[in-house]
Amino acid sequence: MPDVVAKVALIQPYKHSPATNVWNRSAPPAPLVLVHDGGGTTFCYHFLGYLGRPVYGIDNPHYDSGKAWEGGIPEMAREYLKPSKV
């Protein structure tokens, strides 16, 4: 199977200010990475309230084609971890 590229998009940027720095840290908090829902998109995560950290979403790269993952969830996990190893 040819390599697919997981689509990672910024959903919510981190806005540093005393009001949003809920952890009272000088460094920004670790980003939160969310994987798509059962429908294959991260649309639902765009309605989250501000979380005080950068939030990224990974869409299903097979969403447009509807192609199944031959290797199931283990294959999905391997593909979705690739962008985090950059």
N, C-alpha and C. Protein backbone atom coordinates (compact mmCIF):
# COMPACT_ATOMS: atom_id res chain seq x y z
N MET A 1 0.85 -1.18 0.00
CA MET A 1 0.00 0.00 0.00
C MET A 1 0.89 1.24 0.00
N PRO A 2 0.61 2.21 -0.86
CA PRO A 2 1.43 3.41 -0.87
C PRO A 2 1.28 4.19 0.43
N ASP A 3 2.34 4.92 0.74
CA ASP A 3 2.29 5.73 1.96
C ASP A 3 1.19 6.78 1.86
N VAL A 4 0.50 6.96 2.95
CA VAL A 4 -0.47 8.04 3.06
C VAL A 4 0.10 9.03 4.05
N VAL A 5 -0.34 10.24 3.94
CA VAL A 5 0.15 11.27 4.85
C VAL A 5 -1.01 11.71 5.72
N ALA A 6 -0.84 11.53 7.02
CA ALA A 6 -1.87 11.98 7.95
C ALA A 6 -1.93 13.50 7.91
N LYS A 7 -3.14 14.02 7.83
CA LYS A 7 -3.34 15.46 7.77
C LYS A 7 -3.40 16.01 9.20
N VAL A 8 -2.40 16.79 9.55
CA VAL A 8 -2.35 17.39 10.88
C VAL A 8 -2.59 18.88 10.73
N ALA A 9 -3.56 19.39 11.46
CA ALA A 9 -3.91 20.81 11.34
C ALA A 9 -4.01 21.44 12.73
N LEU A 10 -3.60 22.69 12.81
CA LEU A 10 -3.76 23.45 14.05
C LEU A 10 -5.23 23.80 14.21
N ILE A 11 -5.81 23.38 15.30
CA ILE A 11 -7.21 23.67 15.59
C ILE A 11 -7.33 24.90 16.48
N GLN A 12 -6.40 25.00 17.44
CA GLN A 12 -6.48 26.07 18.41
C GLN A 12 -5.07 26.51 18.79
N PRO A 13 -4.69 27.75 18.50
CA PRO A 13 -3.35 28.20 18.87
C PRO A 13 -3.26 28.50 20.37
N TYR A 14 -2.05 28.55 20.87
CA TYR A 14 -1.82 28.95 22.25
C TYR A 14 -1.69 30.46 22.30
N LYS A 15 -2.45 31.10 23.15
CA LYS A 15 -2.41 32.55 23.30
C LYS A 15 -1.88 32.86 24.69
N HIS A 16 -0.62 33.21 24.76
CA HIS A 16 -0.02 33.47 26.08
C HIS A 16 -0.48 34.82 26.63
N SER A 17 -1.04 34.77 27.80
CA SER A 17 -1.38 35.99 28.54
C SER A 17 -1.60 35.56 29.99
N PRO A 18 -1.51 36.47 30.94
CA PRO A 18 -1.75 36.09 32.34
C PRO A 18 -3.11 35.43 32.54
N ALA A 19 -4.11 35.86 31.80
CA ALA A 19 -5.46 35.30 31.96
C ALA A 19 -5.55 33.87 31.42
N THR A 20 -4.77 33.54 30.40
CA THR A 20 -4.86 32.20 29.81
C THR A 20 -3.79 31.25 30.33
N ASN A 21 -2.82 31.76 31.08
CA ASN A 21 -1.76 30.91 31.61
C ASN A 21 -2.24 30.25 32.89
N VAL A 22 -3.14 29.29 32.75
CA VAL A 22 -3.78 28.66 33.91
C VAL A 22 -2.82 27.81 34.73
N TRP A 23 -1.68 27.43 34.16
CA TRP A 23 -0.72 26.60 34.91
C TRP A 23 0.39 27.44 35.52
N ASN A 24 0.36 28.76 35.32
CA ASN A 24 1.38 29.67 35.84
C ASN A 24 2.78 29.21 35.48
N ARG A 25 2.98 28.88 34.23
CA ARG A 25 4.28 28.46 33.73
C ARG A 25 4.87 29.55 32.86
N SER A 26 6.19 29.57 32.80
CA SER A 26 6.83 30.52 31.90
C SER A 26 6.89 29.94 30.49
N ALA A 27 6.97 28.63 30.36
CA ALA A 27 6.99 27.99 29.04
C ALA A 27 5.58 27.59 28.64
N PRO A 28 5.29 27.59 27.35
CA PRO A 28 3.96 27.16 26.92
C PRO A 28 3.71 25.70 27.27
N PRO A 29 2.49 25.33 27.56
CA PRO A 29 2.18 23.94 27.88
C PRO A 29 2.33 23.06 26.64
N ALA A 30 2.46 21.78 26.88
CA ALA A 30 2.60 20.81 25.78
C ALA A 30 1.35 20.84 24.91
N PRO A 31 1.54 20.65 23.61
CA PRO A 31 0.37 20.63 22.73
C PRO A 31 -0.48 19.38 22.95
N LEU A 32 -1.73 19.50 22.62
CA LEU A 32 -2.67 18.39 22.67
C LEU A 32 -2.95 17.97 21.24
N VAL A 33 -2.78 16.69 20.94
CA VAL A 33 -3.04 16.18 19.60
C VAL A 33 -4.23 15.24 19.67
N LEU A 34 -5.26 15.55 18.89
CA LEU A 34 -6.51 14.78 18.89
C LEU A 34 -6.66 14.06 17.55
N VAL A 35 -7.07 12.81 17.61
CA VAL A 35 -7.29 12.00 16.41
C VAL A 35 -8.76 12.10 16.05
N HIS A 36 -9.03 12.06 14.76
CA HIS A 36 -10.39 12.19 14.24
C HIS A 36 -11.40 11.28 14.96
N ASP A 37 -12.65 11.65 14.86
CA ASP A 37 -13.73 10.83 15.41
C ASP A 37 -14.06 9.71 14.42
N GLY A 38 -15.10 8.97 14.69
CA GLY A 38 -15.50 7.85 13.83
C GLY A 38 -15.85 8.26 12.42
N GLY A 39 -16.18 9.52 12.21
CA GLY A 39 -16.50 10.00 10.88
C GLY A 39 -15.26 10.32 10.04
N GLY A 40 -14.10 10.39 10.67
CA GLY A 40 -12.85 10.63 9.94
C GLY A 40 -12.37 12.06 9.94
N THR A 41 -13.11 12.97 10.56
CA THR A 41 -12.69 14.37 10.57
C THR A 41 -12.50 14.87 12.01
N THR A 42 -11.89 16.03 12.11
CA THR A 42 -11.71 16.67 13.42
C THR A 42 -12.68 17.83 13.60
N PHE A 43 -13.70 17.88 12.78
CA PHE A 43 -14.68 18.97 12.81
C PHE A 43 -15.21 19.22 14.22
N CYS A 44 -15.56 18.18 14.93
CA CYS A 44 -16.16 18.35 16.26
C CYS A 44 -15.23 19.05 17.25
N TYR A 45 -13.92 18.92 17.06
CA TYR A 45 -12.97 19.54 17.98
C TYR A 45 -12.87 21.05 17.81
N HIS A 46 -13.34 21.57 16.70
CA HIS A 46 -13.30 23.01 16.47
C HIS A 46 -14.30 23.74 17.37
N PHE A 47 -15.16 23.03 18.04
CA PHE A 47 -16.15 23.63 18.93
C PHE A 47 -15.73 23.60 20.40
N LEU A 48 -14.53 23.10 20.67
CA LEU A 48 -14.04 23.07 22.05
C LEU A 48 -13.80 24.48 22.55
N GLY A 49 -14.01 24.69 23.83
CA GLY A 49 -13.63 25.96 24.42
C GLY A 49 -12.11 26.05 24.47
N TYR A 50 -11.60 27.22 24.80
CA TYR A 50 -10.16 27.42 24.84
C TYR A 50 -9.55 26.51 25.90
N LEU A 51 -8.50 25.78 25.51
CA LEU A 51 -7.88 24.81 26.41
C LEU A 51 -6.55 25.28 26.99
N GLY A 52 -6.10 26.46 26.62
CA GLY A 52 -4.87 27.00 27.20
C GLY A 52 -3.61 26.33 26.70
N ARG A 53 -3.65 25.73 25.54
CA ARG A 53 -2.50 25.07 24.94
C ARG A 53 -2.77 24.93 23.45
N PRO A 54 -1.75 24.72 22.65
CA PRO A 54 -2.01 24.49 21.23
C PRO A 54 -2.71 23.14 21.05
N VAL A 55 -3.70 23.12 20.19
CA VAL A 55 -4.46 21.89 19.94
C VAL A 55 -4.36 21.58 18.44
N TYR A 56 -3.93 20.35 18.15
CA TYR A 56 -3.81 19.89 16.77
C TYR A 56 -4.76 18.74 16.55
N GLY A 57 -5.22 18.58 15.33
CA GLY A 57 -6.10 17.48 14.99
C GLY A 57 -5.55 16.70 13.81
N ILE A 58 -5.74 15.39 13.83
CA ILE A 58 -5.32 14.51 12.74
C ILE A 58 -6.57 13.96 12.08
N ASP A 59 -6.78 14.35 10.81
CA ASP A 59 -7.88 13.81 10.03
C ASP A 59 -7.48 12.47 9.41
N ASN A 60 -8.46 11.66 9.08
CA ASN A 60 -8.21 10.40 8.40
C ASN A 60 -7.79 10.70 6.96
N PRO A 61 -6.58 10.31 6.55
CA PRO A 61 -6.15 10.62 5.19
C PRO A 61 -6.93 9.84 4.13
N HIS A 62 -7.67 8.82 4.53
CA HIS A 62 -8.50 8.06 3.60
C HIS A 62 -9.94 8.58 3.55
N TYR A 63 -10.20 9.70 4.20
CA TYR A 63 -11.56 10.22 4.28
C TYR A 63 -12.16 10.45 2.89
N ASP A 64 -11.42 11.12 2.03
CA ASP A 64 -11.96 11.46 0.71
C ASP A 64 -12.18 10.22 -0.17
N SER A 65 -11.29 9.24 -0.06
CA SER A 65 -11.41 8.06 -0.92
C SER A 65 -12.32 6.99 -0.31
N GLY A 66 -12.47 7.01 1.00
CA GLY A 66 -13.27 5.99 1.67
C GLY A 66 -12.58 4.65 1.74
N LYS A 67 -11.31 4.62 1.39
CA LYS A 67 -10.54 3.38 1.39
C LYS A 67 -10.33 2.88 2.82
N ALA A 68 -10.45 1.59 3.00
CA ALA A 68 -10.26 0.98 4.33
C ALA A 68 -8.77 0.87 4.65
N TRP A 69 -8.46 0.82 5.92
CA TRP A 69 -7.09 0.58 6.37
C TRP A 69 -6.87 -0.93 6.36
N GLU A 70 -6.02 -1.39 5.46
CA GLU A 70 -5.79 -2.83 5.33
C GLU A 70 -5.26 -3.45 6.62
N GLY A 71 -4.43 -2.71 7.33
CA GLY A 71 -3.84 -3.21 8.57
C GLY A 71 -4.63 -2.86 9.81
N GLY A 72 -5.83 -2.29 9.63
CA GLY A 72 -6.69 -1.94 10.76
C GLY A 72 -6.10 -0.84 11.63
N ILE A 73 -6.49 -0.85 12.89
CA ILE A 73 -6.06 0.19 13.82
C ILE A 73 -4.54 0.22 14.03
N PRO A 74 -3.85 -0.94 14.07
CA PRO A 74 -2.39 -0.85 14.20
C PRO A 74 -1.74 -0.06 13.05
N GLU A 75 -2.23 -0.24 11.84
CA GLU A 75 -1.69 0.52 10.70
C GLU A 75 -2.00 2.01 10.86
N MET A 76 -3.21 2.32 11.27
CA MET A 76 -3.59 3.72 11.49
C MET A 76 -2.66 4.36 12.51
N ALA A 77 -2.42 3.66 13.60
CA ALA A 77 -1.57 4.20 14.67
C ALA A 77 -0.16 4.48 14.15
N ARG A 78 0.40 3.56 13.38
CA ARG A 78 1.75 3.79 12.82
C ARG A 78 1.78 5.03 11.93
N GLU A 79 0.78 5.18 11.09
CA GLU A 79 0.73 6.33 10.19
C GLU A 79 0.52 7.63 10.96
N TYR A 80 -0.31 7.60 11.97
CA TYR A 80 -0.62 8.82 12.71
C TYR A 80 0.54 9.25 13.61
N LEU A 81 1.42 8.33 13.96
CA LEU A 81 2.58 8.69 14.78
C LEU A 81 3.71 9.30 13.94
N LYS A 82 3.72 9.08 12.64
CA LYS A 82 4.79 9.60 11.79
C LYS A 82 4.98 11.10 11.91
N PRO A 83 3.93 11.92 11.86
CA PRO A 83 4.17 13.37 11.95
C PRO A 83 4.80 13.79 13.28
N SER A 84 4.61 13.03 14.34
CA SER A 84 5.16 13.39 15.64
C SER A 84 6.64 13.09 15.73
N LYS A 85 7.19 12.37 14.76
CA LYS A 85 8.61 12.01 14.79
C LYS A 85 9.46 12.96 13.96
N VAL A 86 8.87 14.05 13.54
CA VAL A 86 9.62 15.01 12.70
C VAL A 86 10.63 15.75 13.52
